[in-house]
PDB file of N, CA and C in Angstrom:
ATOM      1  N   MET A   1      83.195 105.104  77.903  1.00  0.00           N
ATOM      2  CA  MET A   1      84.268 104.690  78.788  1.00  0.00           C
ATOM      3  C   MET A   1      85.066 105.787  79.299  1.00  0.00           C
ATOM      4  N   GLY A   2      85.580 105.711  80.524  1.00  0.00           N
ATOM      5  CA  GLY A   2      86.334 106.765  81.115  1.00  0.00           C
ATOM      6  C   GLY A   2      87.706 106.822  80.521  1.00  0.00           C
ATOM      7  N   GLU A   3      88.455 107.782  80.854  1.00  0.00           N
ATOM      8  CA  GLU A   3      89.830 108.032  80.457  1.00  0.00           C
ATOM      9  C   GLU A   3      90.874 107.767  81.515  1.00  0.00           C
ATOM     10  N   GLY A   4      90.401 107.334  82.641  1.00  0.00           N
ATOM     11  CA  GLY A   4      91.350 107.059  83.756  1.00  0.00           C
ATOM     12  C   GLY A   4      92.147 105.842  83.644  1.00  0.00           C
ATOM     13  N   GLY A   5      92.828 105.444  84.467  1.00  0.00           N
ATOM     14  CA  GLY A   5      93.656 104.262  84.576  1.00  0.00           C
ATOM     15  C   GLY A   5      95.087 104.390  84.018  1.00  0.00           C
ATOM     16  N   LEU A   6      95.440 103.345  83.190  1.00  0.00           N
ATOM     17  CA  LEU A   6      96.822 103.196  82.690  1.00  0.00           C
ATOM     18  C   LEU A   6      96.946 103.797  81.358  1.00  0.00           C
ATOM     19  N   GLY A   7      96.117 104.792  80.992  1.00  0.00           N
ATOM     20  CA  GLY A   7      96.262 105.414  79.747  1.00  0.00           C
ATOM     21  C   GLY A   7      95.623 104.650  78.581  1.00  0.00           C
ATOM     22  N   HIS A   8      94.860 103.654  78.820  1.00  0.00           N
ATOM     23  CA  HIS A   8      94.332 102.760  77.705  1.00  0.00           C
ATOM     24  C   HIS A   8      93.028 103.273  77.376  1.00  0.00           C
ATOM     25  N   GLY A   9      92.497 104.293  78.046  1.00  0.00           N
ATOM     26  CA  GLY A   9      91.083 104.882  77.727  1.00  0.00           C
ATOM     27  C   GLY A   9      89.956 103.907  78.337  1.00  0.00           C
ATOM     28  N   MET A  10      90.296 102.961  79.177  1.00  0.00           N
ATOM     29  CA  MET A  10      89.285 102.022  79.782  1.00  0.00           C
ATOM     30  C   MET A  10      88.776 102.560  80.999  1.00  0.00           C
ATOM     31  N   THR A  11      87.662 102.028  81.480  1.00  0.00           N
ATOM     32  CA  THR A  11      87.008 102.390  82.666  1.00  0.00           C
ATOM     33  C   THR A  11      87.815 101.905  83.868  1.00  0.00           C
ATOM     34  N   ARG A  12      88.204 102.742  84.725  1.00  0.00           N
ATOM     35  CA  ARG A  12      89.014 102.468  85.947  1.00  0.00           C
ATOM     36  C   ARG A  12      88.159 102.175  87.161  1.00  0.00           C
ATOM     37  N   ILE A  13      88.031 101.046  87.703  1.00  0.00           N
ATOM     38  CA  ILE A  13      87.138 100.792  88.883  1.00  0.00           C
ATOM     39  C   ILE A  13      88.041 100.337  90.003  1.00  0.00           C
ATOM     40  N   VAL A  14      87.927 101.037  91.017  1.00  0.00           N
ATOM     41  CA  VAL A  14      88.723 100.804  92.250  1.00  0.00           C
ATOM     42  C   VAL A  14      87.706 100.131  93.272  1.00  0.00           C
ATOM     43  N   ARG A  15      88.155  98.972  93.803  1.00  0.00           N
ATOM     44  CA  ARG A  15      87.493  98.338  94.849  1.00  0.00           C
ATOM     45  C   ARG A  15      88.258  98.573  96.100  1.00  0.00           C
ATOM     46  N   TYR A  16      87.655  99.242  97.166  1.00  0.00           N
ATOM     47  CA  TYR A  16      88.310  99.479  98.368  1.00  0.00           C
ATOM     48  C   TYR A  16      87.832  98.541  99.401  1.00  0.00           C
ATOM     49  N   TYR A  17      88.866  97.590  99.792  1.00  0.00           N
ATOM     50  CA  TYR A  17      88.541  96.539 100.878  1.00  0.00           C
ATOM     51  C   TYR A  17      89.880  96.421 101.625  1.00  0.00           C
ATOM     52  N   PRO A  18      90.030  97.027 102.717  1.00  0.00           N
ATOM     53  CA  PRO A  18      91.288  97.005 103.496  1.00  0.00           C
ATOM     54  C   PRO A  18      91.789  95.538 103.723  1.00  0.00           C
ATOM     55  N   ARG A  19      90.812  94.602 103.823  1.00  0.00           N
ATOM     56  CA  ARG A  19      91.253  93.184 104.151  1.00  0.00           C
ATOM     57  C   ARG A  19      91.309  92.277 102.931  1.00  0.00           C
ATOM     58  N   ALA A  20      91.423  92.800 101.734  1.00  0.00           N
ATOM     59  CA  ALA A  20      91.429  92.174 100.503  1.00  0.00           C
ATOM     60  C   ALA A  20      92.470  90.972 100.380  1.00  0.00           C
ATOM     61  N   LEU A  21      93.548  91.134 101.130  1.00  0.00           N
ATOM     62  CA  LEU A  21      94.469  90.034 101.031  1.00  0.00           C
ATOM     63  C   LEU A  21      94.580  89.267 102.310  1.00  0.00           C
ATOM     64  N   VAL A  22      93.577  89.354 103.181  1.00  0.00           N
ATOM     65  CA  VAL A  22      93.548  88.602 104.473  1.00  0.00           C
ATOM     66  C   VAL A  22      92.648  87.511 104.355  1.00  0.00           C
ATOM     67  N   GLY A  23      92.980  86.310 104.574  1.00  0.00           N
ATOM     68  CA  GLY A  23      91.969  85.195 104.612  1.00  0.00           C
ATOM     69  C   GLY A  23      91.657  84.700 103.120  1.00  0.00           C
ATOM     70  N   ASP A  24      90.843  83.664 103.140  1.00  0.00           N
ATOM     71  CA  ASP A  24      90.432  83.208 101.793  1.00  0.00           C
ATOM     72  C   ASP A  24      88.965  82.919 101.603  1.00  0.00           C
ATOM     73  N   GLY A  25      88.119  83.534 102.381  1.00  0.00           N
ATOM     74  CA  GLY A  25      86.699  83.263 102.354  1.00  0.00           C
ATOM     75  C   GLY A  25      85.878  84.480 102.105  1.00  0.00           C
ATOM     76  N   GLY A  26      84.720  84.413 102.122  1.00  0.00           N
ATOM     77  CA  GLY A  26      83.712  85.561 102.079  1.00  0.00           C
ATOM     78  C   GLY A  26      84.050  86.666 101.195  1.00  0.00           C
ATOM     79  N   MET A  27      84.147  87.799 101.819  1.00  0.00           N
ATOM     80  CA  MET A  27      84.447  89.113 101.194  1.00  0.00           C
ATOM     81  C   MET A  27      85.712  89.042 100.478  1.00  0.00           C
ATOM     82  N   THR A  28      86.842  88.500 101.100  1.00  0.00           N
ATOM     83  CA  THR A  28      88.103  88.446 100.466  1.00  0.00           C
ATOM     84  C   THR A  28      88.066  87.759  99.089  1.00  0.00           C
ATOM     85  N   GLY A  29      87.382  86.593  99.076  1.00  0.00           N
ATOM     86  CA  GLY A  29      87.344  85.878  97.797  1.00  0.00           C
ATOM     87  C   GLY A  29      86.456  86.612  96.829  1.00  0.00           C
ATOM     88  N   ALA A  30      85.388  87.246  97.238  1.00  0.00           N
ATOM     89  CA  ALA A  30      84.459  87.977  96.375  1.00  0.00           C
ATOM     90  C   ALA A  30      85.186  89.130  95.702  1.00  0.00           C
ATOM     91  N   VAL A  31      85.937  89.845  96.505  1.00  0.00           N
ATOM     92  CA  VAL A  31      86.643  90.984  95.910  1.00  0.00           C
ATOM     93  C   VAL A  31      87.687  90.540  94.837  1.00  0.00           C
ATOM     94  N   ARG A  32      88.383  89.504  95.190  1.00  0.00           N
ATOM     95  CA  ARG A  32      89.361  88.956  94.241  1.00  0.00           C
ATOM     96  C   ARG A  32      88.627  88.537  92.961  1.00  0.00           C
ATOM     97  N   ARG A  33      87.628  87.761  92.983  1.00  0.00           N
ATOM     98  CA  ARG A  33      86.813  87.190  91.854  1.00  0.00           C
ATOM     99  C   ARG A  33      86.275  88.333  91.036  1.00  0.00           C
ATOM    100  N   TRP A  34      85.582  89.331  91.717  1.00  0.00           N
ATOM    101  CA  TRP A  34      84.894  90.318  90.917  1.00  0.00           C
ATOM    102  C   TRP A  34      86.033  91.186  90.222  1.00  0.00           C
ATOM    103  N   SER A  35      87.144  91.390  90.939  1.00  0.00           N
ATOM    104  CA  SER A  35      88.200  92.211  90.245  1.00  0.00           C
ATOM    105  C   SER A  35      88.779  91.532  89.002  1.00  0.00           C
ATOM    106  N   ARG A  36      89.072  90.241  89.192  1.00  0.00           N
ATOM    107  CA  ARG A  36      89.544  89.554  88.091  1.00  0.00           C
ATOM    108  C   ARG A  36      88.492  89.494  86.839  1.00  0.00           C
ATOM    109  N   SER A  37      87.203  89.336  87.250  1.00  0.00           N
ATOM    110  CA  SER A  37      86.266  89.399  86.149  1.00  0.00           C
ATOM    111  C   SER A  37      86.136  90.700  85.484  1.00  0.00           C
ATOM    112  N   LEU A  38      86.272  91.774  86.185  1.00  0.00           N
ATOM    113  CA  LEU A  38      86.251  93.112  85.640  1.00  0.00           C
ATOM    114  C   LEU A  38      87.353  93.283  84.673  1.00  0.00           C
ATOM    115  N   SER A  39      88.571  92.831  85.059  1.00  0.00           N
ATOM    116  CA  SER A  39      89.797  92.939  84.247  1.00  0.00           C
ATOM    117  C   SER A  39      89.526  92.159  83.001  1.00  0.00           C
ATOM    118  N   ARG A  40      89.134  90.979  83.029  1.00  0.00           N
ATOM    119  CA  ARG A  40      88.825  90.098  81.853  1.00  0.00           C
ATOM    120  C   ARG A  40      87.795  90.749  80.923  1.00  0.00           C
ATOM    121  N   ALA A  41      86.893  91.564  81.546  1.00  0.00           N
ATOM    122  CA  ALA A  41      85.890  92.236  80.673  1.00  0.00           C
ATOM    123  C   ALA A  41      86.367  93.546  80.073  1.00  0.00           C
ATOM    124  N   GLY A  42      87.659  93.920  80.390  1.00  0.00           N
ATOM    125  CA  GLY A  42      88.237  95.040  79.735  1.00  0.00           C
ATOM    126  C   GLY A  42      88.374  96.286  80.682  1.00  0.00           C
ATOM    127  N   ALA A  43      88.002  96.217  81.875  1.00  0.00           N
ATOM    128  CA  ALA A  43      88.105  97.295  82.777  1.00  0.00           C
ATOM    129  C   ALA A  43      89.563  97.378  83.365  1.00  0.00           C
ATOM    130  N   ASP A  44      89.900  98.536  83.733  1.00  0.00           N
ATOM    131  CA  ASP A  44      91.171  98.730  84.620  1.00  0.00           C
ATOM    132  C   ASP A  44      90.790  98.504  86.010  1.00  0.00           C
ATOM    133  N   ALA A  45      90.958  97.257  86.547  1.00  0.00           N
ATOM    134  CA  ALA A  45      90.470  96.835  87.846  1.00  0.00           C
ATOM    135  C   ALA A  45      91.639  97.137  88.879  1.00  0.00           C
ATOM    136  N   VAL A  46      91.226  97.816  89.937  1.00  0.00           N
ATOM    137  CA  VAL A  46      92.303  98.092  90.944  1.00  0.00           C
ATOM    138  C   VAL A  46      91.668  97.714  92.325  1.00  0.00           C
ATOM    139  N   VAL A  47      92.444  97.091  93.157  1.00  0.00           N
ATOM    140  CA  VAL A  47      92.042  96.775  94.513  1.00  0.00           C
ATOM    141  C   VAL A  47      92.839  97.653  95.480  1.00  0.00           C
ATOM    142  N   ALA A  48      92.276  98.444  96.249  1.00  0.00           N
ATOM    143  CA  ALA A  48      92.981  99.193  97.217  1.00  0.00           C
ATOM    144  C   ALA A  48      92.794  98.505  98.656  1.00  0.00           C
ATOM    145  N   PHE A  49      93.967  98.210  99.216  1.00  0.00           N
ATOM    146  CA  PHE A  49      93.890  97.219 100.518  1.00  0.00           C
ATOM    147  C   PHE A  49      94.838  97.858 101.592  1.00  0.00           C
ATOM    148  N   ASP A  50      94.807  97.324 102.740  1.00  0.00           N
ATOM    149  CA  ASP A  50      95.599  97.780 103.896  1.00  0.00           C
ATOM    150  C   ASP A  50      96.446  96.551 104.343  1.00  0.00           C
ATOM    151  N   GLU A  51      95.830  95.499 104.743  1.00  0.00           N
ATOM    152  CA  GLU A  51      96.561  94.405 105.387  1.00  0.00           C
ATOM    153  C   GLU A  51      96.833  93.294 104.376  1.00  0.00           C
ATOM    154  N   GLY A  52      97.761  92.408 104.850  1.00  0.00           N
ATOM    155  CA  GLY A  52      97.941  91.193 104.128  1.00  0.00           C
ATOM    156  C   GLY A  52      99.333  91.038 103.517  1.00  0.00           C
ATOM    157  N   SER A  53      99.504  89.864 102.826  1.00  0.00           N
ATOM    158  CA  SER A  53     100.860  89.622 102.280  1.00  0.00           C
ATOM    159  C   SER A  53     100.873  90.168 100.856  1.00  0.00           C
ATOM    160  N   GLN A  54     101.793  89.706 100.073  1.00  0.00           N
ATOM    161  CA  GLN A  54     101.912  90.086  98.713  1.00  0.00           C
ATOM    162  C   GLN A  54     100.647  89.847  97.824  1.00  0.00           C
ATOM    163  N   PRO A  55     100.330  90.700  96.960  1.00  0.00           N
ATOM    164  CA  PRO A  55      99.188  90.513  96.107  1.00  0.00           C
ATOM    165  C   PRO A  55      99.389  89.257  95.275  1.00  0.00           C
ATOM    166  N   PRO A  56      98.348  88.712  94.717  1.00  0.00           N
ATOM    167  CA  PRO A  56      98.428  87.465  93.890  1.00  0.00           C
ATOM    168  C   PRO A  56      99.396  87.805  92.668  1.00  0.00           C
ATOM    169  N   PRO A  57      99.859  86.797  91.971  1.00  0.00           N
ATOM    170  CA  PRO A  57     100.699  87.006  90.851  1.00  0.00           C
ATOM    171  C   PRO A  57      99.760  87.575  89.712  1.00  0.00           C
ATOM    172  N   SER A  58     100.386  88.074  88.682  1.00  0.00           N
ATOM    173  CA  SER A  58      99.706  88.813  87.679  1.00  0.00           C
ATOM    174  C   SER A  58      98.395  88.130  87.307  1.00  0.00           C
ATOM    175  N   ASP A  59      97.416  88.865  87.712  1.00  0.00           N
ATOM    176  CA  ASP A  59      95.923  88.407  87.365  1.00  0.00           C
ATOM    177  C   ASP A  59      95.161  89.385  86.680  1.00  0.00           C
ATOM    178  N   GLY A  60      95.838  90.388  86.113  1.00  0.00           N
ATOM    179  CA  GLY A  60      95.108  91.514  85.461  1.00  0.00           C
ATOM    180  C   GLY A  60      94.594  92.611  86.415  1.00  0.00           C
ATOM    181  N   VAL A  61      94.824  92.456  87.668  1.00  0.00           N
ATOM    182  CA  VAL A  61      94.344  93.367  88.661  1.00  0.00           C
ATOM    183  C   VAL A  61      95.474  94.172  89.203  1.00  0.00           C
ATOM    184  N   GLU A  62      95.302  95.460  89.411  1.00  0.00           N
ATOM    185  CA  GLU A  62      96.351  96.280  90.032  1.00  0.00           C
ATOM    186  C   GLU A  62      96.076  96.295  91.568  1.00  0.00           C
ATOM    187  N   TRP A  63      96.997  95.875  92.383  1.00  0.00           N
ATOM    188  CA  TRP A  63      96.878  95.869  93.801  1.00  0.00           C
ATOM    189  C   TRP A  63      97.608  97.062  94.490  1.00  0.00           C
ATOM    190  N   VAL A  64      96.847  97.915  95.019  1.00  0.00           N
ATOM    191  CA  VAL A  64      97.576  99.071  95.636  1.00  0.00           C
ATOM    192  C   VAL A  64      97.400  99.243  97.120  1.00  0.00           C
ATOM    193  N   PRO A  65      98.505  99.245  97.806  1.00  0.00           N
ATOM    194  CA  PRO A  65      98.354  99.391  99.337  1.00  0.00           C
ATOM    195  C   PRO A  65      97.987 100.746  99.654  1.00  0.00           C
ATOM    196  N   VAL A  66      97.131 100.967 100.664  1.00  0.00           N
ATOM    197  CA  VAL A  66      96.630 102.281 101.128  1.00  0.00           C
ATOM    198  C   VAL A  66      97.027 102.299 102.630  1.00  0.00           C
ATOM    199  N   ARG A  67      97.758 103.284 102.905  1.00  0.00           N
ATOM    200  CA  ARG A  67      98.092 103.511 104.375  1.00  0.00           C
ATOM    201  C   ARG A  67      96.871 103.975 105.196  1.00  0.00           C
ATOM    202  N   HIS A  68      96.761 103.430 106.407  1.00  0.00           N
ATOM    203  CA  HIS A  68      95.652 103.666 107.270  1.00  0.00           C
ATOM    204  C   HIS A  68      96.175 104.226 108.602  1.00  0.00           C
ATOM    205  N   PHE A  69      95.318 104.909 109.270  1.00  0.00           N
ATOM    206  CA  PHE A  69      95.743 105.444 110.693  1.00  0.00           C
ATOM    207  C   PHE A  69      94.469 105.177 111.612  1.00  0.00           C
ATOM    208  N   GLY A  70      94.750 105.074 112.849  1.00  0.00           N
ATOM    209  CA  GLY A  70      93.782 104.802 113.925  1.00  0.00           C
ATOM    210  C   GLY A  70      94.083 103.561 114.574  1.00  0.00           C
ATOM    211  N   PHE A  71      93.014 102.828 115.105  1.00  0.00           N
ATOM    212  CA  PHE A  71      93.223 101.629 115.814  1.00  0.00           C
ATOM    213  C   PHE A  71      92.145 100.686 115.446  1.00  0.00           C
ATOM    214  N   LYS A  72      92.366  99.437 115.829  1.00  0.00           N
ATOM    215  CA  LYS A  72      91.497  98.345 115.360  1.00  0.00           C
ATOM    216  C   LYS A  72      89.968  98.687 115.554  1.00  0.00           C
ATOM    217  N   GLY A  73      89.317  98.520 114.405  1.00  0.00           N
ATOM    218  CA  GLY A  73      87.916  98.875 114.498  1.00  0.00           C
ATOM    219  C   GLY A  73      87.588 100.310 114.097  1.00  0.00           C
ATOM    220  N   PHE A  74      88.561 101.152 114.258  1.00  0.00           N
ATOM    221  CA  PHE A  74      88.394 102.594 114.074  1.00  0.00           C
ATOM    222  C   PHE A  74      89.573 103.218 113.332  1.00  0.00           C
ATOM    223  N   PHE A  75      89.757 102.662 112.021  1.00  0.00           N
ATOM    224  CA  PHE A  75      90.908 103.056 111.267  1.00  0.00           C
ATOM    225  C   PHE A  75      90.368 103.806 109.935  1.00  0.00           C
ATOM    226  N   LEU A  76      91.171 104.676 109.462  1.00  0.00           N
ATOM    227  CA  LEU A  76      90.766 105.433 108.246  1.00  0.00           C
ATOM    228  C   LEU A  76      91.872 105.410 107.197  1.00  0.00           C
ATOM    229  N   PRO A  77      91.441 105.358 105.933  1.00  0.00           N
ATOM    230  CA  PRO A  77      92.486 105.469 104.896  1.00  0.00           C
ATOM    231  C   PRO A  77      93.099 106.865 104.953  1.00  0.00           C
ATOM    232  N   ALA A  78      94.457 106.877 104.883  1.00  0.00           N
ATOM    233  CA  ALA A  78      95.209 108.177 104.923  1.00  0.00           C
ATOM    234  C   ALA A  78      95.490 108.661 103.587  1.00  0.00           C
ATOM    235  N   ASP A  79      95.644 107.857 102.496  1.00  0.00           N
ATOM    236  CA  ASP A  79      96.111 108.268 101.290  1.00  0.00           C
ATOM    237  C   ASP A  79      95.248 107.638 100.133  1.00  0.00           C
ATOM    238  N   LEU A  80      93.987 107.543 100.282  1.00  0.00           N
ATOM    239  CA  LEU A  80      93.205 106.996  99.294  1.00  0.00           C
ATOM    240  C   LEU A  80      93.019 107.942  97.978  1.00  0.00           C
ATOM    241  N   GLU A  81      93.316 109.242  98.243  1.00  0.00           N
ATOM    242  CA  GLU A  81      93.141 110.160  97.129  1.00  0.00           C
ATOM    243  C   GLU A  81      93.946 109.843  95.883  1.00  0.00           C
ATOM    244  N   ARG A  82      95.212 109.293  96.224  1.00  0.00           N
ATOM    245  CA  ARG A  82      96.187 108.937  95.045  1.00  0.00           C
ATOM    246  C   ARG A  82      95.660 107.804  94.265  1.00  0.00           C
ATOM    247  N   VAL A  83      94.913 106.957  94.923  1.00  0.00           N
ATOM    248  CA  VAL A  83      94.402 105.798  94.308  1.00  0.00           C
ATOM    249  C   VAL A  83      93.202 106.174  93.369  1.00  0.00           C
ATOM    250  N   LEU A  84      92.379 107.053  93.951  1.00  0.00           N
ATOM    251  CA  LEU A  84      91.147 107.514  93.280  1.00  0.00           C
ATOM    252  C   LEU A  84      91.248 108.483  92.156  1.00  0.00           C
ATOM    253  N   ARG A  85      92.422 109.107  92.043  1.00  0.00           N
ATOM    254  CA  ARG A  85      92.615 110.152  90.881  1.00  0.00           C
ATOM    255  C   ARG A  85      92.505 109.313  89.585  1.00  0.00           C
ATOM    256  N   GLY A  86      91.715 109.765  88.738  1.00  0.00           N
ATOM    257  CA  GLY A  86      91.398 109.190  87.511  1.00  0.00           C
ATOM    258  C   GLY A  86      90.424 107.946  87.444  1.00  0.00           C
ATOM    259  N   ALA A  87      89.822 107.665  88.615  1.00  0.00           N
ATOM    260  CA  ALA A  87      88.993 106.525  88.730  1.00  0.00           C
ATOM    261  C   ALA A  87      87.608 107.034  88.295  1.00  0.00           C
ATOM    262  N   ASP A  88      86.867 106.080  87.635  1.00  0.00           N
ATOM    263  CA  ASP A  88      85.521 106.286  87.239  1.00  0.00           C
ATOM    264  C   ASP A  88      84.509 105.855  88.288  1.00  0.00           C
ATOM    265  N   LEU A  89      84.971 104.780  89.071  1.00  0.00           N
ATOM    266  CA  LEU A  89      83.988 104.301  90.046  1.00  0.00           C
ATOM    267  C   LEU A  89      84.737 103.763  91.207  1.00  0.00           C
ATOM    268  N   LEU A  90      84.260 103.988  92.454  1.00  0.00           N
ATOM    269  CA  LEU A  90      84.853 103.391  93.718  1.00  0.00           C
ATOM    270  C   LEU A  90      83.701 102.413  94.217  1.00  0.00           C
ATOM    271  N   VAL A  91      84.167 101.208  94.388  1.00  0.00           N
ATOM    272  CA  VAL A  91      83.292 100.124  94.971  1.00  0.00           C
ATOM    273  C   VAL A  91      83.658  99.856  96.503  1.00  0.00           C
ATOM    274  N   LEU A  92      82.679 100.110  97.324  1.00  0.00           N
ATOM    275  CA  LEU A  92      82.952  99.860  98.833  1.00  0.00           C
ATOM    276  C   LEU A  92      82.398  98.587  99.077  1.00  0.00           C
ATOM    277  N   HIS A  93      82.966  97.905 100.068  1.00  0.00           N
ATOM    278  CA  HIS A  93      82.482  96.581 100.459  1.00  0.00           C
ATOM    279  C   HIS A  93      82.134  96.531 101.920  1.00  0.00           C
ATOM    280  N   SER A  94      81.281  95.580 102.309  1.00  0.00           N
ATOM    281  CA  SER A  94      80.715  95.495 103.687  1.00  0.00           C
ATOM    282  C   SER A  94      79.701  96.456 103.902  1.00  0.00           C
ATOM    283  N   GLY A  95      79.580  97.023 105.034  1.00  0.00           N
ATOM    284  CA  GLY A  95      78.551  98.112 105.295  1.00  0.00           C
ATOM    285  C   GLY A  95      79.127  99.490 105.515  1.00  0.00           C
ATOM    286  N   TRP A  96      78.396 100.254 106.264  1.00  0.00           N
ATOM    287  CA  TRP A  96      78.891 101.681 106.455  1.00  0.00           C
ATOM    288  C   TRP A  96      79.908 101.683 107.649  1.00  0.00           C
ATOM    289  N   ALA A  97      80.960 100.973 107.513  1.00  0.00           N
ATOM    290  CA  ALA A  97      82.018 100.996 108.465  1.00  0.00           C
ATOM    291  C   ALA A  97      82.663 102.349 108.349  1.00  0.00           C
ATOM    292  N   LEU A  98      83.410 102.745 109.337  1.00  0.00           N
ATOM    293  CA  LEU A  98      83.973 104.078 109.483  1.00  0.00           C
ATOM    294  C   LEU A  98      84.895 104.339 108.286  1.00  0.00           C
ATOM    295  N   GLN A  99      85.772 103.287 107.940  1.00  0.00           N
ATOM    296  CA  GLN A  99      86.689 103.548 106.714  1.00  0.00           C
ATOM    297  C   GLN A  99      85.926 103.697 105.459  1.00  0.00           C
ATOM    298  N   ASN A 100      84.750 103.147 105.310  1.00  0.00           N
ATOM    299  CA  ASN A 100      83.940 103.305 104.095  1.00  0.00           C
ATOM    300  C   ASN A 100      83.268 104.753 104.004  1.00  0.00           C
ATOM    301  N   VAL A 101      82.946 105.224 105.286  1.00  0.00           N
ATOM    302  CA  VAL A 101      82.407 106.598 105.294  1.00  0.00           C
ATOM    303  C   VAL A 101      83.463 107.615 104.843  1.00  0.00           C
ATOM    304  N   ARG A 102      84.698 107.372 105.259  1.00  0.00           N
ATOM    305  CA  ARG A 102      85.823 108.273 104.885  1.00  0.00           C
ATOM    306  C   ARG A 102      86.094 108.132 103.392  1.00  0.00           C
ATOM    307  N   ALA A 103      86.125 106.938 102.908  1.00  0.00           N
ATOM    308  CA  ALA A 103      86.404 106.596 101.484  1.00  0.00           C
ATOM    309  C   ALA A 103      85.287 107.290 100.598  1.00  0.00           C
ATOM    310  N   ALA A 104      84.046 107.169 100.965  1.00  0.00           N
ATOM    311  CA  ALA A 104      82.950 107.799 100.242  1.00  0.00           C
ATOM    312  C   ALA A 104      83.126 109.315 100.193  1.00  0.00           C
ATOM    313  N   ALA A 105      83.577 109.900 101.343  1.00  0.00           N
ATOM    314  CA  ALA A 105      83.794 111.339 101.408  1.00  0.00           C
ATOM    315  C   ALA A 105      84.949 111.773 100.414  1.00  0.00           C
ATOM    316  N   VAL A 106      85.952 110.961 100.390  1.00  0.00           N
ATOM    317  CA  VAL A 106      87.129 111.260  99.530  1.00  0.00           C
ATOM    318  C   VAL A 106      86.695 111.201  98.051  1.00  0.00           C
ATOM    319  N   ALA A 107      85.816 110.197  97.640  1.00  0.00           N
ATOM    320  CA  ALA A 107      85.329 109.948  96.387  1.00  0.00           C
ATOM    321  C   ALA A 107      84.431 111.257  95.964  1.00  0.00           C
ATOM    322  N   ARG A 108      83.577 111.589  96.841  1.00  0.00           N
ATOM    323  CA  ARG A 108      82.752 112.746  96.518  1.00  0.00           C
ATOM    324  C   ARG A 108      83.617 114.014  96.264  1.00  0.00           C
ATOM    325  N   LYS A 109      84.661 114.201  97.137  1.00  0.00           N
ATOM    326  CA  LYS A 109      85.519 115.356  97.028  1.00  0.00           C
ATOM    327  C   LYS A 109      86.153 115.315  95.643  1.00  0.00           C
ATOM    328  N   LEU A 110      86.541 114.161  95.160  1.00  0.00           N
ATOM    329  CA  LEU A 110      87.232 114.043  93.788  1.00  0.00           C
ATOM    330  C   LEU A 110      86.323 113.873  92.660  1.00  0.00           C
ATOM    331  N   GLY A 111      85.002 113.817  92.965  1.00  0.00           N
ATOM    332  CA  GLY A 111      84.021 113.710  91.887  1.00  0.00           C
ATOM    333  C   GLY A 111      83.948 112.269  91.245  1.00  0.00           C
ATOM    334  N   VAL A 112      84.248 111.286  92.113  1.00  0.00           N
ATOM    335  CA  VAL A 112      84.233 109.857  91.674  1.00  0.00           C
ATOM    336  C   VAL A 112      82.978 109.285  92.241  1.00  0.00           C
ATOM    337  N   THR A 113      82.228 108.695  91.321  1.00  0.00           N
ATOM    338  CA  THR A 113      81.011 107.936  91.689  1.00  0.00           C
ATOM    339  C   THR A 113      81.376 106.733  92.592  1.00  0.00           C
ATOM    340  N   TYR A 114      80.470 106.430  93.633  1.00  0.00           N
ATOM    341  CA  TYR A 114      80.822 105.328  94.464  1.00  0.00           C
ATOM    342  C   TYR A 114      79.506 104.489  94.605  1.00  0.00           C
ATOM    343  N   LEU A 115      79.812 103.250  94.895  1.00  0.00           N
ATOM    344  CA  LEU A 115      78.788 102.197  95.057  1.00  0.00           C
ATOM    345  C   LEU A 115      79.102 101.407  96.264  1.00  0.00           C
ATOM    346  N   LEU A 116      78.138 101.106  97.187  1.00  0.00           N
ATOM    347  CA  LEU A 116      78.270 100.210  98.319  1.00  0.00           C
ATOM    348  C   LEU A 116      77.672  98.844  97.945  1.00  0.00           C
ATOM    349  N   GLU A 117      78.511  97.790  98.078  1.00  0.00           N
ATOM    350  CA  GLU A 117      78.083  96.434  97.935  1.00  0.00           C
ATOM    351  C   GLU A 117      78.064  95.839  99.341  1.00  0.00           C
ATOM    352  N   PRO A 118      76.987  95.777 100.111  1.00  0.00           N
ATOM    353  CA  PRO A 118      76.886  95.454 101.460  1.00  0.00           C
ATOM    354  C   PRO A 118      76.962  93.989 101.813  1.00  0.00           C
ATOM    355  N   ARG A 119      77.599  93.194 101.043  1.00  0.00           N
ATOM    356  CA  ARG A 119      77.708  91.769 101.325  1.00  0.00           C
ATOM    357  C   ARG A 119      78.273  91.525 102.775  1.00  0.00           C
ATOM    358  N   GLY A 120      77.687  90.711 103.528  1.00  0.00           N
ATOM    359  CA  GLY A 120      78.127  90.262 104.711  1.00  0.00           C
ATOM    360  C   GLY A 120      77.888  91.378 105.888  1.00  0.00           C
ATOM    361  N   ALA A 121      77.226  92.396 105.602  1.00  0.00           N
ATOM    362  CA  ALA A 121      77.002  93.453 106.558  1.00  0.00           C
ATOM    363  C   ALA A 121      75.720  93.171 107.323  1.00  0.00           C
TER     364      ALA A 121
END
């Protein structure tokens, strides 16, 4: 197990999905359910998001807003580095969208393994 996260010595898994709090279907629901399941299994589950309202009430998942820049369809995470420090794994959702390419580059720079789950792409 990794040593990242909240100091508990558990594996820290960051799911990056900017629209994680927008809507209630498809990818949004999958990100929420997978994150809760990871938390219940003992991982330090983090969701890095951009848009939406307040995160759900205490569900064992850490919700971290990430600032983005650019314009609709072409936006990039501006401060993903702070979320990925101490992470063991970054999970990217959808396909090779521009923001995912940037997120993967940040993960590589920090030595964080990343995985693409191309649901809905």
